[in-house]
Amino acid sequence: MKIEPAGAADRAALLALWERSVRATHDFLAEEDVIAIREAVRAHALPALELWLARDGKGAPVGFMGLAGNSVETLFIDPDWFGRGLGRAFLNHARALRGPLRVDVNEQNPGALAFYRKCGFVETGRSAVDSDGRPFPIIHLAESAAEKESAT
């Protein structure tokens, strides 16, 4: 599947994809948390990040990734596309651009933690709250240059 740059015209579709993915994977979030975070994603994250997307055969986005340097700030896949290798394809694309990567993952999202660990990331730290001070612990992960080479 082709991974391509996302533009400003894609942001509404990416926000909808973000919400579908979050609702499928972040069951620890209350409805008011989803609404507040969605607004932050719309207003701040999507405009600020280097966005990459993958589309289905009809042109609809099925996954996207946002990078800031070598940090994977967002990686969201449409739930209908879970388990098809799209997340790994995004990581390989990011590695080709940036080398060894870093990522922060909600501790309460065991599926994402397992995915990144399977892709060669190791825990480098933990924060008791998320970047906005909400009570959602964050696990900091990174891959070394050696792990990057073995993953390709």
N, C-alpha and C. Protein backbone atom coordinates (compact mmCIF):
# COMPACT_ATOMS: atom_id res chain seq x y z
N MET A 1 0.85 -1.18 0.00
CA MET A 1 0.00 0.00 0.00
C MET A 1 0.89 1.24 0.00
N LYS A 2 0.50 2.20 -0.79
CA LYS A 2 1.27 3.44 -0.93
C LYS A 2 1.03 4.35 0.28
N ILE A 3 2.11 4.86 0.83
CA ILE A 3 2.04 5.87 1.90
C ILE A 3 2.43 7.19 1.27
N GLU A 4 1.58 8.19 1.44
CA GLU A 4 1.78 9.48 0.78
C GLU A 4 1.61 10.62 1.78
N PRO A 5 2.16 11.78 1.45
CA PRO A 5 1.95 12.93 2.34
C PRO A 5 0.47 13.31 2.41
N ALA A 6 0.03 13.70 3.57
CA ALA A 6 -1.34 14.20 3.75
C ALA A 6 -1.31 15.72 3.69
N GLY A 7 -2.35 16.28 3.15
CA GLY A 7 -2.46 17.72 3.06
C GLY A 7 -3.57 18.27 3.94
N ALA A 8 -3.69 19.58 3.94
CA ALA A 8 -4.73 20.23 4.75
C ALA A 8 -6.13 19.73 4.37
N ALA A 9 -6.34 19.41 3.09
CA ALA A 9 -7.65 18.94 2.64
C ALA A 9 -8.01 17.57 3.21
N ASP A 10 -7.00 16.83 3.71
CA ASP A 10 -7.23 15.50 4.28
C ASP A 10 -7.58 15.54 5.76
N ARG A 11 -7.42 16.67 6.41
CA ARG A 11 -7.51 16.72 7.87
C ARG A 11 -8.86 16.28 8.43
N ALA A 12 -9.97 16.65 7.81
CA ALA A 12 -11.28 16.24 8.32
C ALA A 12 -11.42 14.72 8.28
N ALA A 13 -11.00 14.10 7.19
CA ALA A 13 -11.07 12.64 7.09
C ALA A 13 -10.12 11.98 8.09
N LEU A 14 -8.96 12.57 8.32
CA LEU A 14 -8.02 12.01 9.29
C LEU A 14 -8.57 12.12 10.71
N LEU A 15 -9.24 13.23 11.00
CA LEU A 15 -9.84 13.38 12.33
C LEU A 15 -10.93 12.33 12.55
N ALA A 16 -11.73 12.08 11.53
CA ALA A 16 -12.77 11.04 11.65
C ALA A 16 -12.13 9.66 11.82
N LEU A 17 -11.06 9.39 11.10
CA LEU A 17 -10.34 8.13 11.24
C LEU A 17 -9.75 8.03 12.65
N TRP A 18 -9.16 9.12 13.14
CA TRP A 18 -8.61 9.16 14.50
C TRP A 18 -9.70 8.74 15.50
N GLU A 19 -10.88 9.31 15.37
CA GLU A 19 -11.94 9.02 16.33
C GLU A 19 -12.38 7.55 16.25
N ARG A 20 -12.52 7.00 15.05
CA ARG A 20 -12.89 5.59 14.92
C ARG A 20 -11.85 4.70 15.59
N SER A 21 -10.58 5.00 15.36
CA SER A 21 -9.51 4.20 15.92
C SER A 21 -9.46 4.33 17.44
N VAL A 22 -9.58 5.55 17.94
CA VAL A 22 -9.56 5.77 19.39
C VAL A 22 -10.72 5.06 20.07
N ARG A 23 -11.88 5.15 19.51
CA ARG A 23 -13.04 4.49 20.12
C ARG A 23 -12.89 2.97 20.13
N ALA A 24 -12.11 2.43 19.20
CA ALA A 24 -11.89 0.98 19.15
C ALA A 24 -10.77 0.52 20.09
N THR A 25 -9.89 1.43 20.48
CA THR A 25 -8.69 1.00 21.22
C THR A 25 -8.49 1.68 22.57
N HIS A 26 -9.14 2.80 22.81
CA HIS A 26 -8.91 3.58 24.02
C HIS A 26 -10.13 3.54 24.93
N ASP A 27 -10.53 2.34 25.35
CA ASP A 27 -11.74 2.22 26.16
C ASP A 27 -11.60 2.82 27.55
N PHE A 28 -10.41 3.22 27.92
CA PHE A 28 -10.18 3.87 29.21
C PHE A 28 -10.57 5.35 29.18
N LEU A 29 -10.83 5.90 28.02
CA LEU A 29 -11.21 7.31 27.91
C LEU A 29 -12.71 7.48 28.09
N ALA A 30 -13.10 8.44 28.91
CA ALA A 30 -14.51 8.80 29.03
C ALA A 30 -14.90 9.64 27.80
N GLU A 31 -16.18 9.74 27.55
CA GLU A 31 -16.66 10.49 26.39
C GLU A 31 -16.13 11.93 26.40
N GLU A 32 -16.14 12.57 27.56
CA GLU A 32 -15.65 13.96 27.61
C GLU A 32 -14.16 14.04 27.29
N ASP A 33 -13.40 12.98 27.61
CA ASP A 33 -11.98 12.95 27.25
C ASP A 33 -11.81 12.84 25.74
N VAL A 34 -12.59 11.98 25.11
CA VAL A 34 -12.51 11.83 23.65
C VAL A 34 -12.81 13.17 22.97
N ILE A 35 -13.85 13.85 23.44
CA ILE A 35 -14.23 15.13 22.85
C ILE A 35 -13.12 16.17 23.02
N ALA A 36 -12.55 16.26 24.22
CA ALA A 36 -11.49 17.24 24.48
C ALA A 36 -10.24 16.92 23.67
N ILE A 37 -9.86 15.66 23.63
CA ILE A 37 -8.65 15.28 22.89
C ILE A 37 -8.88 15.46 21.39
N ARG A 38 -10.07 15.12 20.91
CA ARG A 38 -10.38 15.31 19.48
C ARG A 38 -10.18 16.78 19.08
N GLU A 39 -10.63 17.68 19.93
CA GLU A 39 -10.45 19.11 19.62
C GLU A 39 -8.98 19.49 19.60
N ALA A 40 -8.19 18.95 20.52
CA ALA A 40 -6.75 19.22 20.53
C ALA A 40 -6.08 18.65 19.29
N VAL A 41 -6.49 17.47 18.89
CA VAL A 41 -5.94 16.86 17.68
C VAL A 41 -6.27 17.73 16.47
N ARG A 42 -7.54 18.16 16.36
CA ARG A 42 -7.98 19.00 15.24
C ARG A 42 -7.24 20.32 15.20
N ALA A 43 -7.17 20.99 16.35
CA ALA A 43 -6.64 22.35 16.38
C ALA A 43 -5.12 22.42 16.43
N HIS A 44 -4.49 21.43 17.03
CA HIS A 44 -3.05 21.54 17.27
C HIS A 44 -2.22 20.45 16.60
N ALA A 45 -2.58 19.19 16.81
CA ALA A 45 -1.73 18.10 16.32
C ALA A 45 -1.73 18.00 14.80
N LEU A 46 -2.89 17.92 14.19
CA LEU A 46 -2.93 17.75 12.73
C LEU A 46 -2.24 18.89 11.99
N PRO A 47 -2.44 20.14 12.37
CA PRO A 47 -1.74 21.21 11.64
C PRO A 47 -0.22 21.25 11.88
N ALA A 48 0.22 20.72 13.03
CA ALA A 48 1.63 20.87 13.40
C ALA A 48 2.52 19.72 12.94
N LEU A 49 1.95 18.55 12.72
CA LEU A 49 2.76 17.37 12.43
C LEU A 49 2.98 17.17 10.94
N GLU A 50 4.05 16.46 10.63
CA GLU A 50 4.29 15.99 9.26
C GLU A 50 3.43 14.73 9.11
N LEU A 51 2.37 14.83 8.32
CA LEU A 51 1.37 13.77 8.23
C LEU A 51 1.56 12.92 6.98
N TRP A 52 1.42 11.61 7.18
CA TRP A 52 1.48 10.63 6.11
C TRP A 52 0.23 9.78 6.18
N LEU A 53 -0.31 9.38 5.03
CA LEU A 53 -1.53 8.58 5.05
C LEU A 53 -1.47 7.46 4.02
N ALA A 54 -2.35 6.48 4.25
CA ALA A 54 -2.57 5.39 3.31
C ALA A 54 -4.05 5.39 2.97
N ARG A 55 -4.37 5.11 1.72
CA ARG A 55 -5.76 5.12 1.25
C ARG A 55 -6.16 3.73 0.77
N ASP A 56 -7.46 3.46 0.86
CA ASP A 56 -7.99 2.22 0.30
C ASP A 56 -8.17 2.40 -1.22
N GLY A 57 -8.70 1.39 -1.89
CA GLY A 57 -8.86 1.43 -3.33
C GLY A 57 -9.81 2.50 -3.82
N LYS A 58 -10.67 3.01 -2.92
CA LYS A 58 -11.61 4.08 -3.29
C LYS A 58 -11.08 5.46 -2.94
N GLY A 59 -9.86 5.52 -2.39
CA GLY A 59 -9.25 6.81 -2.06
C GLY A 59 -9.51 7.29 -0.65
N ALA A 60 -10.23 6.52 0.16
CA ALA A 60 -10.50 6.93 1.54
C ALA A 60 -9.31 6.60 2.43
N PRO A 61 -8.91 7.51 3.33
CA PRO A 61 -7.82 7.21 4.25
C PRO A 61 -8.16 6.03 5.16
N VAL A 62 -7.21 5.10 5.31
CA VAL A 62 -7.38 3.94 6.19
C VAL A 62 -6.35 3.93 7.31
N GLY A 63 -5.42 4.85 7.28
CA GLY A 63 -4.43 4.97 8.33
C GLY A 63 -3.63 6.24 8.13
N PHE A 64 -3.10 6.76 9.24
CA PHE A 64 -2.22 7.91 9.13
C PHE A 64 -1.22 7.94 10.26
N MET A 65 -0.13 8.63 10.01
CA MET A 65 0.96 8.78 10.97
C MET A 65 1.38 10.23 10.97
N GLY A 66 1.68 10.76 12.15
CA GLY A 66 2.20 12.11 12.28
C GLY A 66 3.57 12.07 12.92
N LEU A 67 4.54 12.68 12.27
CA LEU A 67 5.91 12.72 12.76
C LEU A 67 6.30 14.11 13.20
N ALA A 68 7.15 14.14 14.23
CA ALA A 68 7.85 15.36 14.64
C ALA A 68 9.29 14.93 14.84
N GLY A 69 10.13 15.22 13.86
CA GLY A 69 11.49 14.69 13.90
C GLY A 69 11.45 13.17 13.82
N ASN A 70 12.15 12.50 14.76
CA ASN A 70 12.14 11.03 14.76
C ASN A 70 11.11 10.47 15.73
N SER A 71 10.19 11.31 16.16
CA SER A 71 9.14 10.87 17.08
C SER A 71 7.84 10.60 16.32
N VAL A 72 7.31 9.39 16.51
CA VAL A 72 6.00 9.06 15.96
C VAL A 72 4.97 9.61 16.95
N GLU A 73 4.39 10.74 16.61
CA GLU A 73 3.45 11.41 17.51
C GLU A 73 2.04 10.84 17.40
N THR A 74 1.69 10.35 16.22
CA THR A 74 0.38 9.73 16.02
C THR A 74 0.55 8.59 15.03
N LEU A 75 -0.13 7.50 15.29
CA LEU A 75 -0.24 6.40 14.35
C LEU A 75 -1.60 5.77 14.59
N PHE A 76 -2.53 6.02 13.69
CA PHE A 76 -3.89 5.54 13.84
C PHE A 76 -4.32 4.82 12.58
N ILE A 77 -4.91 3.64 12.77
CA ILE A 77 -5.36 2.79 11.69
C ILE A 77 -6.87 2.60 11.84
N ASP A 78 -7.59 2.64 10.73
CA ASP A 78 -9.02 2.35 10.75
C ASP A 78 -9.21 0.94 11.32
N PRO A 79 -10.13 0.76 12.26
CA PRO A 79 -10.31 -0.57 12.86
C PRO A 79 -10.55 -1.68 11.85
N ASP A 80 -11.17 -1.38 10.72
CA ASP A 80 -11.39 -2.40 9.69
C ASP A 80 -10.08 -2.85 9.04
N TRP A 81 -9.01 -2.11 9.27
CA TRP A 81 -7.71 -2.42 8.69
C TRP A 81 -6.71 -2.94 9.73
N PHE A 82 -7.13 -3.14 10.96
CA PHE A 82 -6.24 -3.69 11.99
C PHE A 82 -5.71 -5.05 11.52
N GLY A 83 -4.45 -5.31 11.83
CA GLY A 83 -3.88 -6.63 11.57
C GLY A 83 -3.47 -6.90 10.14
N ARG A 84 -3.45 -5.89 9.30
CA ARG A 84 -3.09 -6.08 7.89
C ARG A 84 -1.69 -5.59 7.55
N GLY A 85 -0.91 -5.22 8.57
CA GLY A 85 0.47 -4.79 8.33
C GLY A 85 0.63 -3.32 8.04
N LEU A 86 -0.45 -2.57 8.13
CA LEU A 86 -0.37 -1.14 7.80
C LEU A 86 0.45 -0.37 8.83
N GLY A 87 0.29 -0.67 10.11
CA GLY A 87 1.08 0.00 11.14
C GLY A 87 2.57 -0.22 10.94
N ARG A 88 2.95 -1.45 10.66
CA ARG A 88 4.36 -1.77 10.41
C ARG A 88 4.86 -1.03 9.16
N ALA A 89 4.01 -0.94 8.13
CA ALA A 89 4.40 -0.22 6.91
C ALA A 89 4.67 1.26 7.21
N PHE A 90 3.82 1.85 8.05
CA PHE A 90 4.06 3.25 8.45
C PHE A 90 5.38 3.38 9.19
N LEU A 91 5.67 2.46 10.12
CA LEU A 91 6.93 2.54 10.86
C LEU A 91 8.12 2.38 9.93
N ASN A 92 8.04 1.45 8.99
CA ASN A 92 9.14 1.30 8.03
C ASN A 92 9.34 2.56 7.21
N HIS A 93 8.24 3.20 6.83
CA HIS A 93 8.33 4.47 6.10
C HIS A 93 9.02 5.53 6.96
N ALA A 94 8.62 5.63 8.21
CA ALA A 94 9.21 6.62 9.12
C ALA A 94 10.69 6.33 9.34
N ARG A 95 11.07 5.07 9.51
CA ARG A 95 12.48 4.71 9.68
C ARG A 95 13.30 5.13 8.47
N ALA A 96 12.74 4.92 7.28
CA ALA A 96 13.46 5.31 6.06
C ALA A 96 13.70 6.81 6.02
N LEU A 97 12.78 7.58 6.58
CA LEU A 97 12.91 9.03 6.62
C LEU A 97 13.80 9.53 7.75
N ARG A 98 13.69 8.90 8.93
CA ARG A 98 14.27 9.48 10.15
C ARG A 98 15.25 8.60 10.90
N GLY A 99 15.39 7.34 10.53
CA GLY A 99 16.25 6.43 11.29
C GLY A 99 15.52 5.92 12.52
N PRO A 100 16.27 5.56 13.57
CA PRO A 100 15.63 5.01 14.77
C PRO A 100 14.57 5.96 15.33
N LEU A 101 13.47 5.38 15.75
CA LEU A 101 12.29 6.16 16.14
C LEU A 101 12.04 6.13 17.63
N ARG A 102 11.23 7.10 18.07
CA ARG A 102 10.71 7.16 19.44
C ARG A 102 9.20 7.25 19.34
N VAL A 103 8.52 6.80 20.41
CA VAL A 103 7.06 6.90 20.45
C VAL A 103 6.62 6.88 21.91
N ASP A 104 5.55 7.58 22.20
CA ASP A 104 4.91 7.54 23.52
C ASP A 104 3.56 6.86 23.36
N VAL A 105 3.24 5.95 24.29
CA VAL A 105 2.02 5.15 24.18
C VAL A 105 1.29 5.19 25.52
N ASN A 106 -0.03 5.30 25.45
CA ASN A 106 -0.83 5.21 26.67
C ASN A 106 -0.61 3.85 27.31
N GLU A 107 -0.29 3.85 28.59
CA GLU A 107 -0.09 2.61 29.33
C GLU A 107 -1.35 1.73 29.29
N GLN A 108 -2.51 2.35 29.22
CA GLN A 108 -3.77 1.62 29.22
C GLN A 108 -4.17 1.11 27.83
N ASN A 109 -3.27 1.18 26.88
CA ASN A 109 -3.52 0.69 25.52
C ASN A 109 -2.58 -0.50 25.27
N PRO A 110 -2.92 -1.68 25.83
CA PRO A 110 -2.02 -2.83 25.73
C PRO A 110 -1.78 -3.29 24.30
N GLY A 111 -2.75 -3.11 23.42
CA GLY A 111 -2.56 -3.50 22.02
C GLY A 111 -1.45 -2.71 21.36
N ALA A 112 -1.43 -1.39 21.59
CA ALA A 112 -0.39 -0.54 21.01
C ALA A 112 0.97 -0.87 21.61
N LEU A 113 1.01 -1.08 22.92
CA LEU A 113 2.29 -1.43 23.56
C LEU A 113 2.84 -2.73 22.98
N ALA A 114 1.99 -3.73 22.83
CA ALA A 114 2.43 -5.01 22.26
C ALA A 114 2.92 -4.81 20.83
N PHE A 115 2.21 -4.02 20.05
CA PHE A 115 2.60 -3.76 18.67
C PHE A 115 4.00 -3.15 18.60
N TYR A 116 4.23 -2.08 19.35
CA TYR A 116 5.53 -1.41 19.29
C TYR A 116 6.65 -2.31 19.80
N ARG A 117 6.38 -3.07 20.86
CA ARG A 117 7.41 -3.99 21.36
C ARG A 117 7.74 -5.04 20.31
N LYS A 118 6.73 -5.55 19.62
CA LYS A 118 6.94 -6.54 18.56
C LYS A 118 7.75 -5.93 17.42
N CYS A 119 7.63 -4.64 17.23
CA CYS A 119 8.38 -3.93 16.18
C CYS A 119 9.78 -3.50 16.64
N GLY A 120 10.20 -3.92 17.83
CA GLY A 120 11.56 -3.67 18.28
C GLY A 120 11.75 -2.49 19.21
N PHE A 121 10.69 -1.87 19.67
CA PHE A 121 10.81 -0.74 20.59
C PHE A 121 10.99 -1.26 22.01
N VAL A 122 11.76 -0.53 22.79
CA VAL A 122 11.97 -0.86 24.20
C VAL A 122 11.59 0.33 25.06
N GLU A 123 11.15 0.03 26.27
CA GLU A 123 10.72 1.08 27.19
C GLU A 123 11.93 1.87 27.67
N THR A 124 11.79 3.20 27.62
CA THR A 124 12.86 4.08 28.09
C THR A 124 12.42 4.94 29.27
N GLY A 125 11.14 4.90 29.61
CA GLY A 125 10.65 5.70 30.73
C GLY A 125 9.14 5.64 30.82
N ARG A 126 8.64 6.31 31.85
CA ARG A 126 7.20 6.35 32.09
C ARG A 126 6.85 7.69 32.70
N SER A 127 5.72 8.25 32.30
CA SER A 127 5.18 9.47 32.89
C SER A 127 3.83 9.12 33.50
N ALA A 128 3.54 9.67 34.69
CA ALA A 128 2.29 9.35 35.38
C ALA A 128 1.07 10.00 34.73
N VAL A 129 1.30 11.04 33.94
CA VAL A 129 0.21 11.76 33.28
C VAL A 129 0.58 11.97 31.82
N ASP A 130 -0.44 12.26 30.99
CA ASP A 130 -0.15 12.54 29.58
C ASP A 130 0.39 13.96 29.42
N SER A 131 0.65 14.36 28.20
CA SER A 131 1.29 15.66 27.95
C SER A 131 0.41 16.84 28.34
N ASP A 132 -0.89 16.62 28.51
CA ASP A 132 -1.79 17.68 28.94
C ASP A 132 -2.13 17.58 30.43
N GLY A 133 -1.42 16.71 31.15
CA GLY A 133 -1.63 16.58 32.59
C GLY A 133 -2.81 15.71 33.00
N ARG A 134 -3.42 15.03 32.02
CA ARG A 134 -4.53 14.14 32.35
C ARG A 134 -3.98 12.86 32.97
N PRO A 135 -4.79 12.16 33.79
CA PRO A 135 -4.30 10.98 34.52
C PRO A 135 -4.23 9.72 33.66
N PHE A 136 -3.56 9.82 32.53
CA PHE A 136 -3.37 8.68 31.64
C PHE A 136 -1.87 8.44 31.49
N PRO A 137 -1.31 7.48 32.23
CA PRO A 137 0.13 7.25 32.19
C PRO A 137 0.63 6.95 30.78
N ILE A 138 1.83 7.41 30.52
CA ILE A 138 2.46 7.27 29.21
C ILE A 138 3.74 6.45 29.35
N ILE A 139 3.90 5.49 28.46
CA ILE A 139 5.13 4.71 28.37
C ILE A 139 5.94 5.27 27.20
N HIS A 140 7.19 5.63 27.48
CA HIS A 140 8.09 6.16 26.45
C HIS A 140 8.89 4.98 25.89
N LEU A 141 8.91 4.87 24.57
CA LEU A 141 9.58 3.77 23.89
C LEU A 141 10.53 4.33 22.83
N ALA A 142 11.56 3.56 22.54
CA ALA A 142 12.50 3.94 21.49
C ALA A 142 13.11 2.68 20.91
N GLU A 143 13.68 2.83 19.73
CA GLU A 143 14.42 1.73 19.13
C GLU A 143 15.85 2.19 18.91
N SER A 144 16.77 1.25 19.05
CA SER A 144 18.18 1.58 18.84
C SER A 144 18.52 1.40 17.36
N ALA A 145 19.68 1.87 16.97
CA ALA A 145 20.10 1.72 15.59
C ALA A 145 20.20 0.23 15.24
N ALA A 146 20.67 -0.59 16.15
CA ALA A 146 20.78 -2.04 15.89
C ALA A 146 19.40 -2.65 15.71
N GLU A 147 18.44 -2.25 16.54
CA GLU A 147 17.08 -2.76 16.39
C GLU A 147 16.48 -2.31 15.08
N LYS A 148 16.78 -1.07 14.67
CA LYS A 148 16.28 -0.56 13.39
C LYS A 148 16.77 -1.44 12.25
N GLU A 149 18.07 -1.78 12.26
CA GLU A 149 18.63 -2.57 11.18
C GLU A 149 18.02 -3.98 11.14
N SER A 150 17.76 -4.57 12.31
CA SER A 150 17.21 -5.92 12.32
C SER A 150 15.73 -5.93 11.93
N ALA A 151 15.05 -4.79 12.02
CA ALA A 151 13.62 -4.73 11.70
C ALA A 151 13.37 -4.59 10.21
N THR A 152 14.40 -4.27 9.44
CA THR A 152 14.18 -4.06 8.00
C THR A 152 14.53 -5.28 7.19
